Each structure stands twice: as structure tokens, then as C-alpha cells.
Amino acid sequence: MFKTLLLALALLPGLAAAVICKSVDEDGVVSYTDVPAGECTNRVELPDYSRYAPRPIEQAAQQGSNATGNVVRFVRYESIAITQPKTGGTVRSNEGRVTVVIALTPALQPGHRVNLTLDGRPVRGSFDGLAIDLNGVDRGTHTLRASVIDADARVLIASTPVTFTLRKRGLTDSNPDAPPPEPPPTPDPGFPAPTTPPDYSPPPSPGFGPPDDPDFSPPGSPNFTPPANPGFAPNGAFTPNFNR
């Protein structure tokens, strides 16, 4: 309390020429009063009040930094183009998968992303790379376009639209995922390959002419005589022979 009073009195501008004087009455009560300097016999010397001055903050410039305040410097993009799918080309996929490859000069910079539009409608989301897979694309002809945006969604550069056709893969189409065909076997040096291909044609048929017997008469001819058969009568009826 006493120190607070002394500090308050010392700071009053109207009392700049006065001093704090200490007095003790006959009962031993100590009191302090502010009186002119010439009227005080027991002056109290007050300590100087403390002063504080904040130290200035020195911001050292970061070497190699390309940022000034909250503005990020970047190199202006020179060109952008969609290299896959090729314009006028055909993509075959039963799942509707289309791989998009983008050529960008210079490369994609930090804080920037790639947006795609398909048939004039934006593709959901943005991408941080230059190779993108689209899924669920319908069959038919489509128009694709790519652009680069900054953190505030401002378009920095946009590509020329490309037109491609998506078709389902047929049975006669080659499968890019299929393994390559096996090479032909290497001929064995101990068994040289034939110089001429083998002939697998059937041999000529000699035909079925009559035998060389001069008395032979084919069936149906006037001179045909059936062979003798002891078990059959001339009229064709069966005659059992019990003598055997």
C-alpha cells in the first residue's frame, strides 16, 4: 500500500516540483506528505520507477525463399497438352477406364492441382499428378480438357480439348494384358529340318475290278451261277443236314 502510494504520487504531473516529506508526531505515528522542496526537513528519496521498452524483432530473410508475405511466387506455365488419349483415337475398355496423361511445362508446382472436364462437365475432385485414371466412362465419343488451378481455384492454364471414342473390347481385339506368344522351337542340330514338306495325301486307290478268273460272272448277269451251298435248297429254303 505504501509503495503504491509513493509510486502514484511520483507519477502525478502536478506534483513534479514537490517532494515527499516524512514526519513523526509525538505519538510516534509516521506520516508522509508532499510539500515543496524548501519546506521539507526529512525528505524521502524515492527510487526511480522501472521502464520497459520492447526489444525490436528482427526478421531474418530466408535464403532461397520465394514467398513475400502471403503471396507465393511461381513460374508461369508455358504449355499444357493431353497426350493420352490421343485426339481422334479409340480407347477400348469393358470397364469404361480411360487413362489420361498430361504434358505440362514447367512441371506442376506446389499448391497447384489439375482439373478435368469431360463433355463440358467437371470431373469430381482435383488431382496432384499428371497421370490420371478415369473410371465408369460411357461408350461413345467424348471431349476431354485439362486445366491447372491454384489454391484459390483460379485457372492458370488450360489445354486444347481432345476428342476420343470409347468402345467395348470384342473377341477379335487384341488383349494388351495377354502374355506375348511363345517363340517357335529351336531346331535340333542333330535332326535337320526337312527341305520339302511331307506329303500327307492318300495313296491312289487301285479300284475294285473283277478278279482275274475268266469264268467269273458278276451277279445279275445271265451267266451268273451262285456257288453251291449244301445247306440251302435251290429255291432258297433251308434244308437241315442231320448226317453231320
C-alpha atoms as a PDB file:
ATOM      1  CA  MET A   1       0.000   0.000   0.000  1.00  0.00           C
ATOM      2  CA  PHE A   2       2.773   2.395   0.906  1.00  0.00           C
ATOM      3  CA  LYS A   3       4.790   1.645  -2.183  1.00  0.00           C
ATOM      4  CA  THR A   4       1.733   2.040  -4.355  1.00  0.00           C
ATOM      5  CA  LEU A   5       1.033   5.440  -2.806  1.00  0.00           C
ATOM      6  CA  LEU A   6       4.570   6.603  -3.332  1.00  0.00           C
ATOM      7  CA  LEU A   7       4.533   5.484  -6.962  1.00  0.00           C
ATOM      8  CA  ALA A   8       1.197   7.218  -7.621  1.00  0.00           C
ATOM      9  CA  LEU A   9       2.420  10.468  -6.098  1.00  0.00           C
ATOM     10  CA  ALA A  10       5.617  10.389  -8.039  1.00  0.00           C
ATOM     11  CA  LEU A  11       3.780   9.991 -11.333  1.00  0.00           C
ATOM     12  CA  LEU A  12       1.393  12.906 -10.874  1.00  0.00           C
ATOM     13  CA  PRO A  13       2.430  15.679 -13.280  1.00  0.00           C
ATOM     14  CA  GLY A  14       1.111  18.432 -10.991  1.00  0.00           C
ATOM     15  CA  LEU A  15       3.475  17.402  -8.215  1.00  0.00           C
ATOM     16  CA  ALA A  16       6.618  17.396 -10.291  1.00  0.00           C
ATOM     17  CA  ALA A  17       8.158  20.242  -8.129  1.00  0.00           C
ATOM     18  CA  ALA A  18       7.094  18.734  -4.766  1.00  0.00           C
ATOM     19  CA  VAL A  19       8.896  16.184  -2.620  1.00  0.00           C
ATOM     20  CA  ILE A  20       7.737  13.532  -0.224  1.00  0.00           C
ATOM     21  CA  CYS A  21       8.421  14.575   3.353  1.00  0.00           C
ATOM     22  CA  LYS A  22       8.400  12.221   6.322  1.00  0.00           C
ATOM     23  CA  SER A  23       7.154  13.415   9.708  1.00  0.00           C
ATOM     24  CA  VAL A  24       6.680  11.708  13.087  1.00  0.00           C
ATOM     25  CA  ASP A  25       4.256  13.136  15.623  1.00  0.00           C
ATOM     26  CA  GLU A  26       4.532  12.988  19.432  1.00  0.00           C
ATOM     27  CA  ASP A  27       2.694   9.651  19.467  1.00  0.00           C
ATOM     28  CA  GLY A  28       5.209   8.122  17.088  1.00  0.00           C
ATOM     29  CA  VAL A  29       2.868   7.985  14.125  1.00  0.00           C
ATOM     30  CA  VAL A  30       4.744   8.258  10.880  1.00  0.00           C
ATOM     31  CA  SER A  31       3.141  10.176   8.053  1.00  0.00           C
ATOM     32  CA  TYR A  32       4.201  11.173   4.604  1.00  0.00           C
ATOM     33  CA  THR A  33       3.127  14.352   2.868  1.00  0.00           C
ATOM     34  CA  ASP A  34       4.022  16.109  -0.311  1.00  0.00           C
ATOM     35  CA  VAL A  35       5.374  19.586   0.352  1.00  0.00           C
ATOM     36  CA  PRO A  36       7.512  21.983  -1.605  1.00  0.00           C
ATOM     37  CA  ALA A  37      11.140  21.059  -1.600  1.00  0.00           C
ATOM     38  CA  GLY A  38      12.099  24.139   0.542  1.00  0.00           C
ATOM     39  CA  GLU A  39       9.677  23.227   3.354  1.00  0.00           C
ATOM     40  CA  CYS A  40      10.766  19.629   3.920  1.00  0.00           C
ATOM     41  CA  THR A  41      13.314  18.779   6.573  1.00  0.00           C
ATOM     42  CA  ASN A  42      13.126  14.989   6.228  1.00  0.00           C
ATOM     43  CA  ARG A  43      12.904  14.292   2.553  1.00  0.00           C
ATOM     44  CA  VAL A  44      12.224  10.774   1.328  1.00  0.00           C
ATOM     45  CA  GLU A  45      14.250   9.760  -1.662  1.00  0.00           C
ATOM     46  CA  LEU A  46      12.073   7.665  -3.975  1.00  0.00           C
ATOM     47  CA  PRO A  47      13.657   5.041  -6.212  1.00  0.00           C
ATOM     48  CA  ASP A  48      13.390   5.616  -9.889  1.00  0.00           C
ATOM     49  CA  TYR A  49      10.457   3.769 -11.468  1.00  0.00           C
ATOM     50  CA  SER A  50      11.271   0.957 -13.837  1.00  0.00           C
ATOM     51  CA  ARG A  51      10.926   1.470 -17.504  1.00  0.00           C
ATOM     52  CA  TYR A  52      10.362  -1.213 -20.168  1.00  0.00           C
ATOM     53  CA  ALA A  53      10.953  -0.875 -23.853  1.00  0.00           C
ATOM     54  CA  PRO A  54      10.193  -3.934 -26.014  1.00  0.00           C
ATOM     55  CA  ARG A  55      13.082  -5.263 -27.975  1.00  0.00           C
ATOM     56  CA  PRO A  56      12.609  -4.869 -31.708  1.00  0.00           C
ATOM     57  CA  ILE A  57      12.054  -8.148 -33.539  1.00  0.00           C
ATOM     58  CA  GLU A  58      14.483  -8.687 -36.351  1.00  0.00           C
ATOM     59  CA  GLN A  59      13.137 -10.924 -39.111  1.00  0.00           C
ATOM     60  CA  ALA A  60      15.989 -12.521 -40.936  1.00  0.00           C
ATOM     61  CA  ALA A  61      15.311 -13.030 -44.612  1.00  0.00           C
ATOM     62  CA  GLN A  62      15.116 -16.704 -45.515  1.00  0.00           C
ATOM     63  CA  GLN A  63      17.588 -17.558 -48.191  1.00  0.00           C
ATOM     64  CA  GLY A  64      16.083 -19.352 -51.141  1.00  0.00           C
ATOM     65  CA  SER A  65      12.542 -18.425 -50.173  1.00  0.00           C
ATOM     66  CA  ASN A  66      10.216 -17.323 -52.961  1.00  0.00           C
ATOM     67  CA  ALA A  67       7.478 -16.041 -50.627  1.00  0.00           C
ATOM     68  CA  THR A  68       6.874 -12.412 -49.739  1.00  0.00           C
ATOM     69  CA  GLY A  69       4.187 -12.041 -47.102  1.00  0.00           C
ATOM     70  CA  ASN A  70       1.304 -14.323 -48.040  1.00  0.00           C
ATOM     71  CA  VAL A  71       1.890 -14.080 -51.807  1.00  0.00           C
ATOM     72  CA  VAL A  72       3.535 -17.194 -53.267  1.00  0.00           C
ATOM     73  CA  ARG A  73       5.625 -16.632 -56.338  1.00  0.00           C
ATOM     74  CA  PHE A  74       5.534 -19.255 -59.065  1.00  0.00           C
ATOM     75  CA  VAL A  75       6.864 -19.670 -62.556  1.00  0.00           C
ATOM     76  CA  ARG A  76       4.291 -19.059 -65.231  1.00  0.00           C
ATOM     77  CA  TYR A  77       3.239 -22.172 -67.117  1.00  0.00           C
ATOM     78  CA  GLU A  78       4.225 -22.206 -70.771  1.00  0.00           C
ATOM     79  CA  SER A  79       2.232 -25.088 -72.243  1.00  0.00           C
ATOM     80  CA  ILE A  80      -0.186 -27.880 -71.368  1.00  0.00           C
ATOM     81  CA  ALA A  81      -1.475 -30.692 -73.590  1.00  0.00           C
ATOM     82  CA  ILE A  82      -3.261 -34.034 -73.236  1.00  0.00           C
ATOM     83  CA  THR A  83      -1.059 -36.720 -74.795  1.00  0.00           C
ATOM     84  CA  GLN A  84      -3.271 -39.694 -73.896  1.00  0.00           C
ATOM     85  CA  PRO A  85      -5.857 -40.413 -75.137  1.00  0.00           C
ATOM     86  CA  LYS A  86      -4.871 -39.023 -78.495  1.00  0.00           C
ATOM     87  CA  THR A  87      -7.286 -36.753 -80.253  1.00  0.00           C
ATOM     88  CA  GLY A  88      -9.399 -38.765 -82.671  1.00  0.00           C
ATOM     89  CA  GLY A  89      -8.184 -42.018 -81.104  1.00  0.00           C
ATOM     90  CA  THR A  90     -10.092 -45.002 -79.775  1.00  0.00           C
ATOM     91  CA  VAL A  91      -9.937 -46.396 -76.239  1.00  0.00           C
ATOM     92  CA  ARG A  92     -11.154 -49.964 -75.676  1.00  0.00           C
ATOM     93  CA  SER A  93     -12.241 -50.921 -72.182  1.00  0.00           C
ATOM     94  CA  ASN A  94     -15.147 -53.012 -70.952  1.00  0.00           C
ATOM     95  CA  GLU A  95     -14.975 -51.243 -67.559  1.00  0.00           C
ATOM     96  CA  GLY A  96     -15.032 -47.722 -69.033  1.00  0.00           C
ATOM     97  CA  ARG A  97     -11.492 -46.996 -67.856  1.00  0.00           C
ATOM     98  CA  VAL A  98      -9.615 -44.158 -69.545  1.00  0.00           C
ATOM     99  CA  THR A  99      -6.019 -43.255 -68.659  1.00  0.00           C
ATOM    100  CA  VAL A 100      -5.286 -39.529 -69.055  1.00  0.00           C
ATOM    101  CA  VAL A 101      -1.672 -38.360 -69.401  1.00  0.00           C
ATOM    102  CA  ILE A 102      -0.879 -34.616 -69.392  1.00  0.00           C
ATOM    103  CA  ALA A 103       2.283 -32.871 -70.599  1.00  0.00           C
ATOM    104  CA  LEU A 104       2.916 -29.667 -68.607  1.00  0.00           C
ATOM    105  CA  THR A 105       5.800 -27.172 -68.905  1.00  0.00           C
ATOM    106  CA  PRO A 106       7.150 -26.422 -66.350  1.00  0.00           C
ATOM    107  CA  ALA A 107       6.162 -29.247 -64.006  1.00  0.00           C
ATOM    108  CA  LEU A 108       3.241 -28.954 -61.612  1.00  0.00           C
ATOM    109  CA  GLN A 109       4.238 -26.598 -58.782  1.00  0.00           C
ATOM    110  CA  PRO A 110       3.398 -26.868 -55.047  1.00  0.00           C
ATOM    111  CA  GLY A 111      -0.104 -25.744 -54.186  1.00  0.00           C
ATOM    112  CA  HIS A 112      -1.381 -26.255 -57.737  1.00  0.00           C
ATOM    113  CA  ARG A 113      -3.726 -29.027 -58.886  1.00  0.00           C
ATOM    114  CA  VAL A 114      -5.170 -30.415 -62.115  1.00  0.00           C
ATOM    115  CA  ASN A 115      -8.849 -30.269 -63.032  1.00  0.00           C
ATOM    116  CA  LEU A 116     -10.528 -32.272 -65.814  1.00  0.00           C
ATOM    117  CA  THR A 117     -13.745 -31.659 -67.712  1.00  0.00           C
ATOM    118  CA  LEU A 118     -15.477 -34.433 -69.670  1.00  0.00           C
ATOM    119  CA  ASP A 119     -18.034 -33.351 -72.250  1.00  0.00           C
ATOM    120  CA  GLY A 120     -18.126 -29.897 -70.653  1.00  0.00           C
ATOM    121  CA  ARG A 121     -18.876 -31.232 -67.154  1.00  0.00           C
ATOM    122  CA  PRO A 122     -16.183 -31.069 -64.440  1.00  0.00           C
ATOM    123  CA  VAL A 123     -14.800 -34.382 -63.229  1.00  0.00           C
ATOM    124  CA  ARG A 124     -15.281 -34.747 -59.497  1.00  0.00           C
ATOM    125  CA  GLY A 125     -12.229 -33.794 -57.439  1.00  0.00           C
ATOM    126  CA  SER A 126      -8.861 -32.347 -58.382  1.00  0.00           C
ATOM    127  CA  PHE A 127      -5.564 -34.160 -58.901  1.00  0.00           C
ATOM    128  CA  ASP A 128      -1.973 -33.580 -57.808  1.00  0.00           C
ATOM    129  CA  GLY A 129      -0.385 -35.571 -60.642  1.00  0.00           C
ATOM    130  CA  LEU A 130      -0.210 -35.610 -64.418  1.00  0.00           C
ATOM    131  CA  ALA A 131      -1.336 -39.268 -64.896  1.00  0.00           C
ATOM    132  CA  ILE A 132      -4.999 -39.800 -64.019  1.00  0.00           C
ATOM    133  CA  ASP A 133      -7.303 -42.834 -64.366  1.00  0.00           C
ATOM    134  CA  LEU A 134     -10.974 -42.177 -65.106  1.00  0.00           C
ATOM    135  CA  ASN A 135     -13.463 -44.974 -64.414  1.00  0.00           C
ATOM    136  CA  GLY A 136     -17.049 -45.515 -65.485  1.00  0.00           C
ATOM    137  CA  VAL A 137     -16.831 -43.604 -68.774  1.00  0.00           C
ATOM    138  CA  ASP A 138     -19.731 -44.493 -71.075  1.00  0.00           C
ATOM    139  CA  ARG A 139     -19.327 -45.835 -74.586  1.00  0.00           C
ATOM    140  CA  GLY A 140     -19.287 -43.290 -77.376  1.00  0.00           C
ATOM    141  CA  THR A 141     -17.407 -40.153 -78.369  1.00  0.00           C
ATOM    142  CA  HIS A 142     -16.243 -37.760 -75.623  1.00  0.00           C
ATOM    143  CA  THR A 143     -14.436 -34.417 -75.322  1.00  0.00           C
ATOM    144  CA  LEU A 144     -11.751 -34.064 -72.630  1.00  0.00           C
ATOM    145  CA  ARG A 145      -9.973 -30.952 -71.356  1.00  0.00           C
ATOM    146  CA  ALA A 146      -7.388 -30.330 -68.600  1.00  0.00           C
ATOM    147  CA  SER A 147      -6.527 -27.182 -66.627  1.00  0.00           C
ATOM    148  CA  VAL A 148      -4.224 -26.156 -63.766  1.00  0.00           C
ATOM    149  CA  ILE A 149      -5.632 -24.197 -60.815  1.00  0.00           C
ATOM    150  CA  ASP A 150      -4.035 -22.517 -57.800  1.00  0.00           C
ATOM    151  CA  ALA A 151      -5.066 -22.642 -54.136  1.00  0.00           C
ATOM    152  CA  ASP A 152      -7.806 -20.068 -54.803  1.00  0.00           C
ATOM    153  CA  ALA A 153      -9.260 -22.187 -57.665  1.00  0.00           C
ATOM    154  CA  ARG A 154      -8.082 -19.690 -60.275  1.00  0.00           C
ATOM    155  CA  VAL A 155      -7.313 -21.227 -63.662  1.00  0.00           C
ATOM    156  CA  LEU A 156      -3.662 -20.681 -64.546  1.00  0.00           C
ATOM    157  CA  ILE A 157      -3.562 -22.541 -67.873  1.00  0.00           C
ATOM    158  CA  ALA A 158      -5.928 -24.795 -69.850  1.00  0.00           C
ATOM    159  CA  SER A 159      -5.342 -27.334 -72.607  1.00  0.00           C
ATOM    160  CA  THR A 160      -6.909 -27.673 -76.021  1.00  0.00           C
ATOM    161  CA  PRO A 161      -9.843 -30.147 -75.899  1.00  0.00           C
ATOM    162  CA  VAL A 162      -9.252 -33.623 -77.326  1.00  0.00           C
ATOM    163  CA  THR A 163     -11.943 -35.907 -78.742  1.00  0.00           C
ATOM    164  CA  PHE A 164     -11.767 -39.691 -78.356  1.00  0.00           C
ATOM    165  CA  THR A 165     -14.111 -42.679 -78.677  1.00  0.00           C
ATOM    166  CA  LEU A 166     -14.591 -45.369 -76.045  1.00  0.00           C
ATOM    167  CA  ARG A 167     -15.535 -48.831 -77.281  1.00  0.00           C
ATOM    168  CA  LYS A 168     -16.034 -52.159 -75.572  1.00  0.00           C
ATOM    169  CA  ARG A 169     -13.401 -54.792 -76.229  1.00  0.00           C
ATOM    170  CA  GLY A 170     -14.513 -57.511 -78.706  1.00  0.00           C
ATOM    171  CA  LEU A 171     -13.402 -61.108 -79.163  1.00  0.00           C
ATOM    172  CA  THR A 172     -11.221 -60.195 -82.125  1.00  0.00           C
ATOM    173  CA  ASP A 173      -9.451 -57.349 -80.328  1.00  0.00           C
ATOM    174  CA  SER A 174      -6.002 -57.940 -79.008  1.00  0.00           C
ATOM    175  CA  ASN A 175      -5.622 -58.004 -75.248  1.00  0.00           C
ATOM    176  CA  PRO A 176      -2.762 -55.744 -74.095  1.00  0.00           C
ATOM    177  CA  ASP A 177      -2.562 -57.702 -70.833  1.00  0.00           C
ATOM    178  CA  ALA A 178      -2.149 -61.065 -72.546  1.00  0.00           C
ATOM    179  CA  PRO A 179       1.347 -62.626 -72.449  1.00  0.00           C
ATOM    180  CA  PRO A 180       3.342 -62.490 -75.682  1.00  0.00           C
ATOM    181  CA  PRO A 181       3.213 -65.599 -77.888  1.00  0.00           C
ATOM    182  CA  GLU A 182       5.889 -68.185 -77.351  1.00  0.00           C
ATOM    183  CA  PRO A 183       8.694 -68.181 -79.924  1.00  0.00           C
ATOM    184  CA  PRO A 184       8.943 -71.167 -82.307  1.00  0.00           C
ATOM    185  CA  PRO A 185      11.097 -74.048 -81.043  1.00  0.00           C
ATOM    186  CA  THR A 186      14.730 -74.026 -81.944  1.00  0.00           C
ATOM    187  CA  PRO A 187      15.537 -76.866 -84.395  1.00  0.00           C
ATOM    188  CA  ASP A 188      17.706 -79.649 -83.032  1.00  0.00           C
ATOM    189  CA  PRO A 189      21.054 -79.648 -84.848  1.00  0.00           C
ATOM    190  CA  GLY A 190      21.053 -83.489 -84.732  1.00  0.00           C
ATOM    191  CA  PHE A 191      17.809 -83.662 -86.660  1.00  0.00           C
ATOM    192  CA  PRO A 192      17.886 -81.198 -89.543  1.00  0.00           C
ATOM    193  CA  ALA A 193      14.574 -79.886 -90.729  1.00  0.00           C
ATOM    194  CA  PRO A 194      13.315 -81.459 -93.986  1.00  0.00           C
ATOM    195  CA  THR A 195      13.911 -79.450 -97.086  1.00  0.00           C
ATOM    196  CA  THR A 196      10.480 -80.340 -98.535  1.00  0.00           C
ATOM    197  CA  PRO A 197       7.229 -80.688 -96.597  1.00  0.00           C
ATOM    198  CA  PRO A 198       5.928 -84.248 -96.191  1.00  0.00           C
ATOM    199  CA  ASP A 199       3.109 -85.465 -98.472  1.00  0.00           C
ATOM    200  CA  TYR A 200       0.068 -86.475 -96.448  1.00  0.00           C
ATOM    201  CA  SER A 201      -2.258 -87.091 -99.421  1.00  0.00           C
ATOM    202  CA  PRO A 202      -3.848 -90.594 -99.501  1.00  0.00           C
ATOM    203  CA  PRO A 203      -2.388 -93.131-101.930  1.00  0.00           C
ATOM    204  CA  PRO A 204      -4.300 -93.699-105.185  1.00  0.00           C
ATOM    205  CA  SER A 205      -6.988 -96.378-104.883  1.00  0.00           C
ATOM    206  CA  PRO A 206      -6.456 -99.392-107.190  1.00  0.00           C
ATOM    207  CA  GLY A 207     -10.196 -99.794-107.638  1.00  0.00           C
ATOM    208  CA  PHE A 208     -12.270-102.963-107.359  1.00  0.00           C
ATOM    209  CA  GLY A 209     -12.483-104.675-110.685  1.00  0.00           C
ATOM    210  CA  PRO A 210     -13.419-108.298-111.403  1.00  0.00           C
ATOM    211  CA  PRO A 211     -10.929-110.982-110.447  1.00  0.00           C
ATOM    212  CA  ASP A 212      -8.636-112.453-112.999  1.00  0.00           C
ATOM    213  CA  ASP A 213     -10.841-115.618-113.285  1.00  0.00           C
ATOM    214  CA  PRO A 214     -12.096-115.813-116.920  1.00  0.00           C
ATOM    215  CA  ASP A 215     -15.234-117.772-115.797  1.00  0.00           C
ATOM    216  CA  PHE A 216     -16.287-115.082-113.296  1.00  0.00           C
ATOM    217  CA  SER A 217     -19.673-113.525-113.944  1.00  0.00           C
ATOM    218  CA  PRO A 218     -20.887-110.666-111.753  1.00  0.00           C
ATOM    219  CA  PRO A 219     -24.254-111.038-110.010  1.00  0.00           C
ATOM    220  CA  GLY A 220     -27.200-110.102-112.212  1.00  0.00           C
ATOM    221  CA  SER A 221     -25.510-111.204-115.401  1.00  0.00           C
ATOM    222  CA  PRO A 222     -27.125-114.028-117.496  1.00  0.00           C
ATOM    223  CA  ASN A 223     -24.145-116.318-116.849  1.00  0.00           C
ATOM    224  CA  PHE A 224     -24.134-115.799-113.068  1.00  0.00           C
ATOM    225  CA  THR A 225     -24.230-119.090-111.158  1.00  0.00           C
ATOM    226  CA  PRO A 226     -24.474-118.924-107.354  1.00  0.00           C
ATOM    227  CA  PRO A 227     -21.967-121.044-105.506  1.00  0.00           C
ATOM    228  CA  ALA A 228     -23.064-124.437-104.232  1.00  0.00           C
ATOM    229  CA  ASN A 229     -24.303-124.420-100.674  1.00  0.00           C
ATOM    230  CA  PRO A 230     -25.096-127.803 -99.181  1.00  0.00           C
ATOM    231  CA  GLY A 231     -27.302-126.237 -96.520  1.00  0.00           C
ATOM    232  CA  PHE A 232     -29.702-124.457 -98.863  1.00  0.00           C
ATOM    233  CA  ALA A 233     -32.111-125.812-101.430  1.00  0.00           C
ATOM    234  CA  PRO A 234     -32.146-124.343-104.922  1.00  0.00           C
ATOM    235  CA  ASN A 235     -35.336-122.469-104.144  1.00  0.00           C
ATOM    236  CA  GLY A 236     -33.730-120.795-101.180  1.00  0.00           C
ATOM    237  CA  ALA A 237     -35.400-122.906 -98.498  1.00  0.00           C
ATOM    238  CA  PHE A 238     -33.237-124.160 -95.683  1.00  0.00           C
ATOM    239  CA  THR A 239     -32.667-127.920 -95.644  1.00  0.00           C
ATOM    240  CA  PRO A 240     -31.117-129.205 -92.445  1.00  0.00           C
ATOM    241  CA  ASN A 241     -28.418-131.789 -92.796  1.00  0.00           C
ATOM    242  CA  PHE A 242     -28.527-134.317 -89.965  1.00  0.00           C
ATOM    243  CA  ASN A 243     -25.758-136.513 -91.317  1.00  0.00           C
ATOM    244  CA  ARG A 244     -23.015-134.297 -89.912  1.00  0.00           C
END
